[in-house]
PDB file of N, CA and C in Angstrom:
ATOM      1  N   MET A   1      -4.239 121.194-140.774  1.00  0.00           N
ATOM      2  CA  MET A   1      -3.826 119.881-141.034  1.00  0.00           C
ATOM      3  C   MET A   1      -4.990 119.209-142.164  1.00  0.00           C
ATOM      4  N   ASP A   2      -4.378 118.700-143.257  1.00  0.00           N
ATOM      5  CA  ASP A   2      -5.257 118.272-144.423  1.00  0.00           C
ATOM      6  C   ASP A   2      -5.613 116.738-143.919  1.00  0.00           C
ATOM      7  N   ILE A   3      -6.461 116.149-144.727  1.00  0.00           N
ATOM      8  CA  ILE A   3      -6.944 114.972-144.589  1.00  0.00           C
ATOM      9  C   ILE A   3      -5.767 113.818-144.541  1.00  0.00           C
ATOM     10  N   LYS A   4      -5.028 113.990-145.487  1.00  0.00           N
ATOM     11  CA  LYS A   4      -3.907 113.049-145.614  1.00  0.00           C
ATOM     12  C   LYS A   4      -3.015 113.113-144.599  1.00  0.00           C
ATOM     13  N   GLN A   5      -2.785 114.417-143.728  1.00  0.00           N
ATOM     14  CA  GLN A   5      -2.028 114.290-142.593  1.00  0.00           C
ATOM     15  C   GLN A   5      -2.726 113.798-141.404  1.00  0.00           C
ATOM     16  N   ILE A   6      -4.117 113.806-141.482  1.00  0.00           N
ATOM     17  CA  ILE A   6      -4.903 113.364-140.331  1.00  0.00           C
ATOM     18  C   ILE A   6      -4.881 111.811-140.416  1.00  0.00           C
ATOM     19  N   GLN A   7      -4.844 111.287-141.680  1.00  0.00           N
ATOM     20  CA  GLN A   7      -4.700 110.010-141.800  1.00  0.00           C
ATOM     21  C   GLN A   7      -3.496 109.325-141.392  1.00  0.00           C
ATOM     22  N   SER A   8      -2.485 109.890-141.805  1.00  0.00           N
ATOM     23  CA  SER A   8      -1.101 109.467-141.213  1.00  0.00           C
ATOM     24  C   SER A   8      -0.963 109.597-139.735  1.00  0.00           C
ATOM     25  N   PHE A   9      -1.697 110.768-139.056  1.00  0.00           N
ATOM     26  CA  PHE A   9      -1.581 110.869-137.640  1.00  0.00           C
ATOM     27  C   PHE A   9      -2.296 109.830-136.980  1.00  0.00           C
ATOM     28  N   LEU A  10      -3.458 109.242-137.613  1.00  0.00           N
ATOM     29  CA  LEU A  10      -4.223 108.308-137.004  1.00  0.00           C
ATOM     30  C   LEU A  10      -3.569 106.815-137.029  1.00  0.00           C
ATOM     31  N   GLU A  11      -2.924 106.699-138.195  1.00  0.00           N
ATOM     32  CA  GLU A  11      -2.039 105.359-138.413  1.00  0.00           C
ATOM     33  C   GLU A  11      -1.132 105.372-137.340  1.00  0.00           C
ATOM     34  N   GLU A  12      -0.282 106.642-137.236  1.00  0.00           N
ATOM     35  CA  GLU A  12       0.653 106.528-136.247  1.00  0.00           C
ATOM     36  C   GLU A  12       0.244 106.278-134.784  1.00  0.00           C
ATOM     37  N   CYS A  13      -0.781 106.938-134.417  1.00  0.00           N
ATOM     38  CA  CYS A  13      -1.649 106.818-133.055  1.00  0.00           C
ATOM     39  C   CYS A  13      -1.966 105.262-132.990  1.00  0.00           C
ATOM     40  N   LYS A  14      -2.424 104.648-134.084  1.00  0.00           N
ATOM     41  CA  LYS A  14      -2.872 103.223-133.844  1.00  0.00           C
ATOM     42  C   LYS A  14      -1.638 102.473-133.445  1.00  0.00           C
ATOM     43  N   ARG A  15      -0.488 102.659-134.329  1.00  0.00           N
ATOM     44  CA  ARG A  15       0.640 101.890-134.084  1.00  0.00           C
ATOM     45  C   ARG A  15       1.206 102.122-132.600  1.00  0.00           C
ATOM     46  N   LEU A  16       1.092 103.424-132.378  1.00  0.00           N
ATOM     47  CA  LEU A  16       1.721 103.549-130.934  1.00  0.00           C
ATOM     48  C   LEU A  16       0.815 102.933-129.739  1.00  0.00           C
ATOM     49  N   LEU A  17      -0.490 103.144-129.946  1.00  0.00           N
ATOM     50  CA  LEU A  17      -1.522 102.510-129.048  1.00  0.00           C
ATOM     51  C   LEU A  17      -1.303 100.895-129.018  1.00  0.00           C
ATOM     52  N   TRP A  18      -1.130 100.349-130.186  1.00  0.00           N
ATOM     53  CA  TRP A  18      -0.946  98.961-130.335  1.00  0.00           C
ATOM     54  C   TRP A  18       0.255  98.570-129.384  1.00  0.00           C
ATOM     55  N   GLU A  19       1.258  99.247-129.595  1.00  0.00           N
ATOM     56  CA  GLU A  19       2.663  98.890-128.980  1.00  0.00           C
ATOM     57  C   GLU A  19       2.498  98.988-127.442  1.00  0.00           C
ATOM     58  N   LYS A  20       1.943  99.996-126.999  1.00  0.00           N
ATOM     59  CA  LYS A  20       1.823 100.401-125.573  1.00  0.00           C
ATOM     60  C   LYS A  20       0.666  99.532-124.708  1.00  0.00           C
ATOM     61  N   PHE A  21      -0.450  99.445-125.479  1.00  0.00           N
ATOM     62  CA  PHE A  21      -1.596  98.852-124.620  1.00  0.00           C
ATOM     63  C   PHE A  21      -2.154  97.652-125.135  1.00  0.00           C
ATOM     64  N   TRP A  22      -2.179  97.287-126.510  1.00  0.00           N
ATOM     65  CA  TRP A  22      -3.005  96.260-126.939  1.00  0.00           C
ATOM     66  C   TRP A  22      -2.255  94.962-127.032  1.00  0.00           C
ATOM     67  N   THR A  23      -2.970  93.952-126.602  1.00  0.00           N
ATOM     68  CA  THR A  23      -2.488  92.656-126.599  1.00  0.00           C
ATOM     69  C   THR A  23      -3.426  91.754-127.366  1.00  0.00           C
ATOM     70  N   VAL A  24      -4.152  92.423-128.126  1.00  0.00           N
ATOM     71  CA  VAL A  24      -5.244  91.531-128.941  1.00  0.00           C
ATOM     72  C   VAL A  24      -4.514  90.753-130.013  1.00  0.00           C
ATOM     73  N   GLU A  25      -5.006  89.496-130.322  1.00  0.00           N
ATOM     74  CA  GLU A  25      -4.271  88.546-131.193  1.00  0.00           C
ATOM     75  C   GLU A  25      -4.764  88.472-132.435  1.00  0.00           C
ATOM     76  N   SER A  26      -5.789  89.231-132.906  1.00  0.00           N
ATOM     77  CA  SER A  26      -6.240  89.101-134.127  1.00  0.00           C
ATOM     78  C   SER A  26      -6.904  90.418-134.647  1.00  0.00           C
ATOM     79  N   HIS A  27      -7.203  90.643-135.865  1.00  0.00           N
ATOM     80  CA  HIS A  27      -7.668  91.938-136.475  1.00  0.00           C
ATOM     81  C   HIS A  27      -9.244  91.932-135.876  1.00  0.00           C
ATOM     82  N   THR A  28      -9.646  90.917-135.914  1.00  0.00           N
ATOM     83  CA  THR A  28     -11.226  90.984-135.323  1.00  0.00           C
ATOM     84  C   THR A  28     -11.378  91.457-133.965  1.00  0.00           C
ATOM     85  N   GLU A  29     -10.499  91.125-133.137  1.00  0.00           N
ATOM     86  CA  GLU A  29     -10.427  91.502-131.810  1.00  0.00           C
ATOM     87  C   GLU A  29     -10.105  93.008-131.794  1.00  0.00           C
ATOM     88  N   ASP A  30      -9.248  93.526-132.682  1.00  0.00           N
ATOM     89  CA  ASP A  30      -8.759  94.907-132.737  1.00  0.00           C
ATOM     90  C   ASP A  30     -10.017  95.626-133.019  1.00  0.00           C
ATOM     91  N   VAL A  31     -10.785  95.308-134.235  1.00  0.00           N
ATOM     92  CA  VAL A  31     -11.995  95.874-134.525  1.00  0.00           C
ATOM     93  C   VAL A  31     -12.835  96.016-133.631  1.00  0.00           C
ATOM     94  N   LEU A  32     -13.145  94.906-132.861  1.00  0.00           N
ATOM     95  CA  LEU A  32     -14.183  94.933-131.884  1.00  0.00           C
ATOM     96  C   LEU A  32     -13.824  95.835-130.770  1.00  0.00           C
ATOM     97  N   TRP A  33     -12.483  95.959-130.412  1.00  0.00           N
ATOM     98  CA  TRP A  33     -12.118  96.825-129.391  1.00  0.00           C
ATOM     99  C   TRP A  33     -12.534  98.271-129.772  1.00  0.00           C
ATOM    100  N   SER A  34     -11.987  98.729-131.099  1.00  0.00           N
ATOM    101  CA  SER A  34     -12.363  99.919-131.681  1.00  0.00           C
ATOM    102  C   SER A  34     -13.725 100.376-131.668  1.00  0.00           C
ATOM    103  N   PHE A  35     -14.411  99.433-132.003  1.00  0.00           N
ATOM    104  CA  PHE A  35     -16.047  99.609-131.981  1.00  0.00           C
ATOM    105  C   PHE A  35     -16.543  99.749-130.664  1.00  0.00           C
ATOM    106  N   THR A  36     -16.029  99.051-129.666  1.00  0.00           N
ATOM    107  CA  THR A  36     -16.409  99.250-128.179  1.00  0.00           C
ATOM    108  C   THR A  36     -16.090 100.697-127.924  1.00  0.00           C
ATOM    109  N   LYS A  37     -14.915 101.060-128.181  1.00  0.00           N
ATOM    110  CA  LYS A  37     -14.416 102.256-127.730  1.00  0.00           C
ATOM    111  C   LYS A  37     -15.269 103.419-128.450  1.00  0.00           C
ATOM    112  N   LEU A  38     -15.570 103.456-129.649  1.00  0.00           N
ATOM    113  CA  LEU A  38     -16.605 104.205-130.262  1.00  0.00           C
ATOM    114  C   LEU A  38     -17.882 104.380-129.573  1.00  0.00           C
ATOM    115  N   THR A  39     -18.455 103.218-129.209  1.00  0.00           N
ATOM    116  CA  THR A  39     -19.595 103.250-128.595  1.00  0.00           C
ATOM    117  C   THR A  39     -19.638 103.919-127.247  1.00  0.00           C
ATOM    118  N   GLU A  40     -18.469 103.684-126.466  1.00  0.00           N
ATOM    119  CA  GLU A  40     -18.296 104.385-125.219  1.00  0.00           C
ATOM    120  C   GLU A  40     -18.237 105.807-125.401  1.00  0.00           C
ATOM    121  N   GLU A  41     -17.506 106.272-126.404  1.00  0.00           N
ATOM    122  CA  GLU A  41     -17.388 107.695-126.580  1.00  0.00           C
ATOM    123  C   GLU A  41     -18.702 108.452-127.099  1.00  0.00           C
ATOM    124  N   VAL A  42     -19.482 107.579-127.737  1.00  0.00           N
ATOM    125  CA  VAL A  42     -20.838 108.264-128.130  1.00  0.00           C
ATOM    126  C   VAL A  42     -21.621 108.279-126.750  1.00  0.00           C
ATOM    127  N   GLY A  43     -21.641 107.526-126.012  1.00  0.00           N
ATOM    128  CA  GLY A  43     -22.279 107.515-124.541  1.00  0.00           C
ATOM    129  C   GLY A  43     -21.908 108.814-123.901  1.00  0.00           C
ATOM    130  N   GLU A  44     -20.472 109.027-123.758  1.00  0.00           N
ATOM    131  CA  GLU A  44     -20.023 110.191-123.114  1.00  0.00           C
ATOM    132  C   GLU A  44     -20.555 111.327-123.793  1.00  0.00           C
ATOM    133  N   LEU A  45     -20.535 111.435-125.176  1.00  0.00           N
ATOM    134  CA  LEU A  45     -21.042 112.617-125.747  1.00  0.00           C
ATOM    135  C   LEU A  45     -22.541 112.811-125.426  1.00  0.00           C
ATOM    136  N   ALA A  46     -23.458 111.783-125.375  1.00  0.00           N
ATOM    137  CA  ALA A  46     -24.889 111.638-125.075  1.00  0.00           C
ATOM    138  C   ALA A  46     -24.897 112.311-123.679  1.00  0.00           C
ATOM    139  N   GLU A  47     -24.059 111.884-122.726  1.00  0.00           N
ATOM    140  CA  GLU A  47     -24.048 112.444-121.397  1.00  0.00           C
ATOM    141  C   GLU A  47     -23.934 114.077-121.380  1.00  0.00           C
ATOM    142  N   GLN A  48     -23.027 114.515-122.106  1.00  0.00           N
ATOM    143  CA  GLN A  48     -22.728 115.865-122.373  1.00  0.00           C
ATOM    144  C   GLN A  48     -23.923 116.798-122.906  1.00  0.00           C
ATOM    145  N   ILE A  49     -24.513 116.015-124.050  1.00  0.00           N
ATOM    146  CA  ILE A  49     -25.839 116.726-124.492  1.00  0.00           C
ATOM    147  C   ILE A  49     -26.701 116.709-123.340  1.00  0.00           C
ATOM    148  N   ASN A  50     -27.029 115.529-122.696  1.00  0.00           N
ATOM    149  CA  ASN A  50     -28.007 115.614-121.610  1.00  0.00           C
ATOM    150  C   ASN A  50     -27.628 116.771-120.533  1.00  0.00           C
ATOM    151  N   LYS A  51     -26.419 116.833-120.339  1.00  0.00           N
ATOM    152  CA  LYS A  51     -26.086 117.987-119.311  1.00  0.00           C
ATOM    153  C   LYS A  51     -26.508 119.297-119.871  1.00  0.00           C
ATOM    154  N   ARG A  52     -26.136 119.615-121.074  1.00  0.00           N
ATOM    155  CA  ARG A  52     -26.494 120.898-121.618  1.00  0.00           C
ATOM    156  C   ARG A  52     -27.974 121.124-121.667  1.00  0.00           C
ATOM    157  N   ARG A  53     -28.780 119.971-121.797  1.00  0.00           N
ATOM    158  CA  ARG A  53     -30.106 120.144-121.641  1.00  0.00           C
ATOM    159  C   ARG A  53     -30.735 120.156-120.364  1.00  0.00           C
ATOM    160  N   GLY A  54     -29.808 119.937-119.436  1.00  0.00           N
ATOM    161  CA  GLY A  54     -30.427 120.096-118.099  1.00  0.00           C
ATOM    162  C   GLY A  54     -31.122 118.724-117.555  1.00  0.00           C
ATOM    163  N   ARG A  55     -30.760 117.568-118.237  1.00  0.00           N
ATOM    164  CA  ARG A  55     -31.494 116.390-118.105  1.00  0.00           C
ATOM    165  C   ARG A  55     -30.513 115.269-117.478  1.00  0.00           C
ATOM    166  N   GLN A  56     -29.440 115.802-116.912  1.00  0.00           N
ATOM    167  CA  GLN A  56     -28.597 114.811-116.292  1.00  0.00           C
ATOM    168  C   GLN A  56     -28.755 114.766-114.696  1.00  0.00           C
ATOM    169  N   SER A  57     -28.515 113.680-114.142  1.00  0.00           N
ATOM    170  CA  SER A  57     -28.894 113.633-112.663  1.00  0.00           C
ATOM    171  C   SER A  57     -27.949 114.784-112.003  1.00  0.00           C
ATOM    172  N   ALA A  58     -28.549 115.135-110.832  1.00  0.00           N
ATOM    173  CA  ALA A  58     -28.123 116.179-109.985  1.00  0.00           C
ATOM    174  C   ALA A  58     -26.736 115.995-109.598  1.00  0.00           C
ATOM    175  N   TYR A  59     -26.320 114.678-109.328  1.00  0.00           N
ATOM    176  CA  TYR A  59     -24.996 114.338-108.822  1.00  0.00           C
ATOM    177  C   TYR A  59     -24.019 114.402-109.775  1.00  0.00           C
ATOM    178  N   LYS A  60     -24.381 114.499-111.185  1.00  0.00           N
ATOM    179  CA  LYS A  60     -23.236 114.702-112.121  1.00  0.00           C
ATOM    180  C   LYS A  60     -22.730 116.176-112.271  1.00  0.00           C
ATOM    181  N   TRP A  61     -21.649 116.227-112.824  1.00  0.00           N
ATOM    182  CA  TRP A  61     -21.018 117.550-112.950  1.00  0.00           C
ATOM    183  C   TRP A  61     -21.819 118.466-113.887  1.00  0.00           C
ATOM    184  N   SER A  62     -21.678 119.662-113.757  1.00  0.00           N
ATOM    185  CA  SER A  62     -22.314 120.633-114.639  1.00  0.00           C
ATOM    186  C   SER A  62     -21.891 120.617-116.176  1.00  0.00           C
ATOM    187  N   PHE A  63     -22.562 121.238-116.943  1.00  0.00           N
ATOM    188  CA  PHE A  63     -22.305 121.169-118.523  1.00  0.00           C
ATOM    189  C   PHE A  63     -21.107 122.197-118.677  1.00  0.00           C
ATOM    190  N   SER A  64     -20.199 121.851-119.482  1.00  0.00           N
ATOM    191  CA  SER A  64     -19.180 122.929-120.010  1.00  0.00           C
ATOM    192  C   SER A  64     -19.135 122.719-121.466  1.00  0.00           C
ATOM    193  N   GLN A  65     -19.169 123.757-122.239  1.00  0.00           N
ATOM    194  CA  GLN A  65     -18.899 123.675-123.766  1.00  0.00           C
ATOM    195  C   GLN A  65     -17.490 122.793-124.171  1.00  0.00           C
ATOM    196  N   GLU A  66     -16.425 123.095-123.319  1.00  0.00           N
ATOM    197  CA  GLU A  66     -15.225 122.474-123.667  1.00  0.00           C
ATOM    198  C   GLU A  66     -15.323 121.006-123.484  1.00  0.00           C
ATOM    199  N   ASP A  67     -16.037 120.455-122.424  1.00  0.00           N
ATOM    200  CA  ASP A  67     -16.219 118.966-122.198  1.00  0.00           C
ATOM    201  C   ASP A  67     -17.128 118.499-123.553  1.00  0.00           C
ATOM    202  N   LEU A  68     -18.008 119.169-123.887  1.00  0.00           N
ATOM    203  CA  LEU A  68     -18.927 118.842-125.061  1.00  0.00           C
ATOM    204  C   LEU A  68     -17.955 118.652-126.306  1.00  0.00           C
ATOM    205  N   GLU A  69     -17.269 119.638-126.562  1.00  0.00           N
ATOM    206  CA  GLU A  69     -16.186 119.735-127.744  1.00  0.00           C
ATOM    207  C   GLU A  69     -15.237 118.555-127.535  1.00  0.00           C
ATOM    208  N   ASP A  70     -14.614 118.273-126.461  1.00  0.00           N
ATOM    209  CA  ASP A  70     -13.809 117.152-126.165  1.00  0.00           C
ATOM    210  C   ASP A  70     -14.467 115.748-126.496  1.00  0.00           C
ATOM    211  N   GLU A  71     -15.785 115.614-126.119  1.00  0.00           N
ATOM    212  CA  GLU A  71     -16.471 114.434-126.617  1.00  0.00           C
ATOM    213  C   GLU A  71     -16.791 114.388-127.914  1.00  0.00           C
ATOM    214  N   ILE A  72     -17.114 115.359-128.560  1.00  0.00           N
ATOM    215  CA  ILE A  72     -17.211 115.411-130.123  1.00  0.00           C
ATOM    216  C   ILE A  72     -15.850 114.862-130.737  1.00  0.00           C
ATOM    217  N   ALA A  73     -14.823 115.474-130.284  1.00  0.00           N
ATOM    218  CA  ALA A  73     -13.461 114.986-130.802  1.00  0.00           C
ATOM    219  C   ALA A  73     -13.157 113.641-130.550  1.00  0.00           C
ATOM    220  N   ASP A  74     -13.578 113.149-129.307  1.00  0.00           N
ATOM    221  CA  ASP A  74     -13.393 111.888-129.023  1.00  0.00           C
ATOM    222  C   ASP A  74     -14.171 110.872-129.947  1.00  0.00           C
ATOM    223  N   VAL A  75     -15.349 111.027-130.196  1.00  0.00           N
ATOM    224  CA  VAL A  75     -16.183 110.364-131.183  1.00  0.00           C
ATOM    225  C   VAL A  75     -15.661 110.354-132.520  1.00  0.00           C
ATOM    226  N   ILE A  76     -15.103 111.452-133.216  1.00  0.00           N
ATOM    227  CA  ILE A  76     -14.480 111.558-134.384  1.00  0.00           C
ATOM    228  C   ILE A  76     -13.406 110.758-134.434  1.00  0.00           C
ATOM    229  N   PHE A  77     -12.428 110.889-133.351  1.00  0.00           N
ATOM    230  CA  PHE A  77     -11.149 110.234-133.302  1.00  0.00           C
ATOM    231  C   PHE A  77     -11.377 108.621-133.304  1.00  0.00           C
ATOM    232  N   ALA A  78     -12.542 108.161-132.383  1.00  0.00           N
ATOM    233  CA  ALA A  78     -12.678 106.841-132.274  1.00  0.00           C
ATOM    234  C   ALA A  78     -13.289 106.261-133.688  1.00  0.00           C
ATOM    235  N   ALA A  79     -14.141 106.938-134.287  1.00  0.00           N
ATOM    236  CA  ALA A  79     -14.720 106.574-135.629  1.00  0.00           C
ATOM    237  C   ALA A  79     -13.560 106.522-136.637  1.00  0.00           C
ATOM    238  N   SER A  80     -12.527 107.471-136.611  1.00  0.00           N
ATOM    239  CA  SER A  80     -11.524 107.431-137.645  1.00  0.00           C
ATOM    240  C   SER A  80     -10.756 106.268-137.296  1.00  0.00           C
ATOM    241  N   MET A  81     -10.459 105.911-136.038  1.00  0.00           N
ATOM    242  CA  MET A  81      -9.517 104.836-135.732  1.00  0.00           C
ATOM    243  C   MET A  81     -10.131 103.505-136.309  1.00  0.00           C
ATOM    244  N   LEU A  82     -11.567 103.343-136.101  1.00  0.00           N
ATOM    245  CA  LEU A  82     -12.187 102.162-136.839  1.00  0.00           C
ATOM    246  C   LEU A  82     -11.906 102.171-138.360  1.00  0.00           C
ATOM    247  N   ALA A  83     -11.856 103.332-138.890  1.00  0.00           N
ATOM    248  CA  ALA A  83     -11.718 103.386-140.286  1.00  0.00           C
ATOM    249  C   ALA A  83     -10.229 102.817-140.638  1.00  0.00           C
ATOM    250  N   VAL A  84      -9.393 103.294-139.666  1.00  0.00           N
ATOM    251  CA  VAL A  84      -7.971 102.782-139.973  1.00  0.00           C
ATOM    252  C   VAL A  84      -7.975 101.243-139.705  1.00  0.00           C
ATOM    253  N   ASP A  85      -8.759 100.722-138.889  1.00  0.00           N
ATOM    254  CA  ASP A  85      -8.778  99.243-138.744  1.00  0.00           C
ATOM    255  C   ASP A  85      -9.174  98.480-139.997  1.00  0.00           C
ATOM    256  N   PHE A  86     -10.054  99.101-140.881  1.00  0.00           N
ATOM    257  CA  PHE A  86     -10.587  98.546-142.048  1.00  0.00           C
ATOM    258  C   PHE A  86      -9.871  99.152-143.410  1.00  0.00           C
ATOM    259  N   TRP A  87      -8.665  99.829-143.180  1.00  0.00           N
ATOM    260  CA  TRP A  87      -7.883 100.256-144.187  1.00  0.00           C
ATOM    261  C   TRP A  87      -8.570 101.297-144.994  1.00  0.00           C
ATOM    262  N   VAL A  88      -9.544 102.087-144.452  1.00  0.00           N
ATOM    263  CA  VAL A  88     -10.238 102.965-145.338  1.00  0.00           C
ATOM    264  C   VAL A  88      -9.563 104.301-145.324  1.00  0.00           C
ATOM    265  N   ASP A  89      -9.451 104.832-146.618  1.00  0.00           N
ATOM    266  CA  ASP A  89      -8.911 106.126-146.877  1.00  0.00           C
ATOM    267  C   ASP A  89      -9.826 107.183-146.639  1.00  0.00           C
ATOM    268  N   LEU A  90      -9.542 107.992-145.531  1.00  0.00           N
ATOM    269  CA  LEU A  90     -10.486 109.000-145.150  1.00  0.00           C
ATOM    270  C   LEU A  90     -10.791 110.016-146.108  1.00  0.00           C
ATOM    271  N   GLU A  91      -9.789 110.317-146.968  1.00  0.00           N
ATOM    272  CA  GLU A  91      -9.941 111.515-147.814  1.00  0.00           C
ATOM    273  C   GLU A  91     -11.055 111.002-148.861  1.00  0.00           C
ATOM    274  N   THR A  92     -10.781 109.820-149.426  1.00  0.00           N
ATOM    275  CA  THR A  92     -11.781 109.314-150.449  1.00  0.00           C
ATOM    276  C   THR A  92     -13.317 108.958-149.771  1.00  0.00           C
ATOM    277  N   LEU A  93     -13.220 108.569-148.650  1.00  0.00           N
ATOM    278  CA  LEU A  93     -14.614 108.365-147.838  1.00  0.00           C
ATOM    279  C   LEU A  93     -15.244 109.696-147.826  1.00  0.00           C
ATOM    280  N   LEU A  94     -14.630 110.632-147.171  1.00  0.00           N
ATOM    281  CA  LEU A  94     -15.164 111.985-146.956  1.00  0.00           C
ATOM    282  C   LEU A  94     -15.659 112.635-148.334  1.00  0.00           C
ATOM    283  N   LYS A  95     -14.896 112.461-149.467  1.00  0.00           N
ATOM    284  CA  LYS A  95     -15.157 113.000-150.703  1.00  0.00           C
ATOM    285  C   LYS A  95     -16.390 112.325-151.224  1.00  0.00           C
ATOM    286  N   ARG A  96     -16.404 111.203-151.044  1.00  0.00           N
ATOM    287  CA  ARG A  96     -17.617 110.388-151.620  1.00  0.00           C
ATOM    288  C   ARG A  96     -19.061 110.658-150.768  1.00  0.00           C
ATOM    289  N   LYS A  97     -18.922 110.969-149.342  1.00  0.00           N
ATOM    290  CA  LYS A  97     -20.076 111.226-148.601  1.00  0.00           C
ATOM    291  C   LYS A  97     -20.422 112.584-148.930  1.00  0.00           C
ATOM    292  N   LYS A  98     -19.456 113.530-149.114  1.00  0.00           N
ATOM    293  CA  LYS A  98     -19.740 114.831-149.584  1.00  0.00           C
ATOM    294  C   LYS A  98     -20.481 115.040-150.810  1.00  0.00           C
ATOM    295  N   TRP A  99     -20.199 114.096-151.873  1.00  0.00           N
ATOM    296  CA  TRP A  99     -20.808 113.987-153.256  1.00  0.00           C
ATOM    297  C   TRP A  99     -22.204 113.517-153.076  1.00  0.00           C
ATOM    298  N   LYS A 100     -22.327 112.437-152.186  1.00  0.00           N
ATOM    299  CA  LYS A 100     -23.593 111.979-151.928  1.00  0.00           C
ATOM    300  C   LYS A 100     -24.666 112.935-151.374  1.00  0.00           C
ATOM    301  N   ILE A 101     -24.137 113.635-150.441  1.00  0.00           N
ATOM    302  CA  ILE A 101     -25.045 114.784-149.719  1.00  0.00           C
ATOM    303  C   ILE A 101     -25.383 115.771-150.640  1.00  0.00           C
ATOM    304  N   GLU A 102     -24.282 116.344-151.509  1.00  0.00           N
ATOM    305  CA  GLU A 102     -24.637 117.309-152.553  1.00  0.00           C
ATOM    306  C   GLU A 102     -25.635 116.781-153.489  1.00  0.00           C
ATOM    307  N   THR A 103     -25.574 115.668-153.954  1.00  0.00           N
ATOM    308  CA  THR A 103     -26.473 114.879-154.891  1.00  0.00           C
ATOM    309  C   THR A 103     -27.952 114.812-154.294  1.00  0.00           C
ATOM    310  N   LYS A 104     -28.152 114.591-152.996  1.00  0.00           N
ATOM    311  CA  LYS A 104     -29.246 114.591-152.484  1.00  0.00           C
ATOM    312  C   LYS A 104     -30.030 115.915-152.285  1.00  0.00           C
ATOM    313  N   LEU A 105     -29.148 116.946-151.933  1.00  0.00           N
ATOM    314  CA  LEU A 105     -29.646 118.247-151.919  1.00  0.00           C
ATOM    315  C   LEU A 105     -30.070 119.115-153.165  1.00  0.00           C
ATOM    316  N   LYS A 106     -29.608 118.478-154.257  1.00  0.00           N
ATOM    317  CA  LYS A 106     -29.975 119.231-155.482  1.00  0.00           C
ATOM    318  C   LYS A 106     -31.212 118.937-155.960  1.00  0.00           C
TER     319      LYS A 106
END
C-alpha cells in the first residue's frame, strides 16, 4: 500500500466513522475528538512500553509484542486521522519531513 492509497483509506475511514458514530456539529469539535483519541492511544502505547520494561502494576496484563505493535498502529492511525481533519496530504508531509531529517543528518 503506497501513501496515496493510505490517504484514501484514511479519508474513507473518516467518512464511515462520521456516518456511524459521530454527532459533532463543527470541524473544531471533530478536531478535538481526533486529538483526544490520539492522546488516548499514546497513553495506551505508554502502558505497553511500561509493561515491556516491567514497570506496570502487577494487576495489569503481561506484555506482548503483538499488543505493543497494535498500539503503535493505533497511534499512527490516530495521528493520520488528525491529519485528515486538517486536509493534510500525507505524502507531501512525509516527504518534507524526510527531507528535513536528511538535511539535519548531513
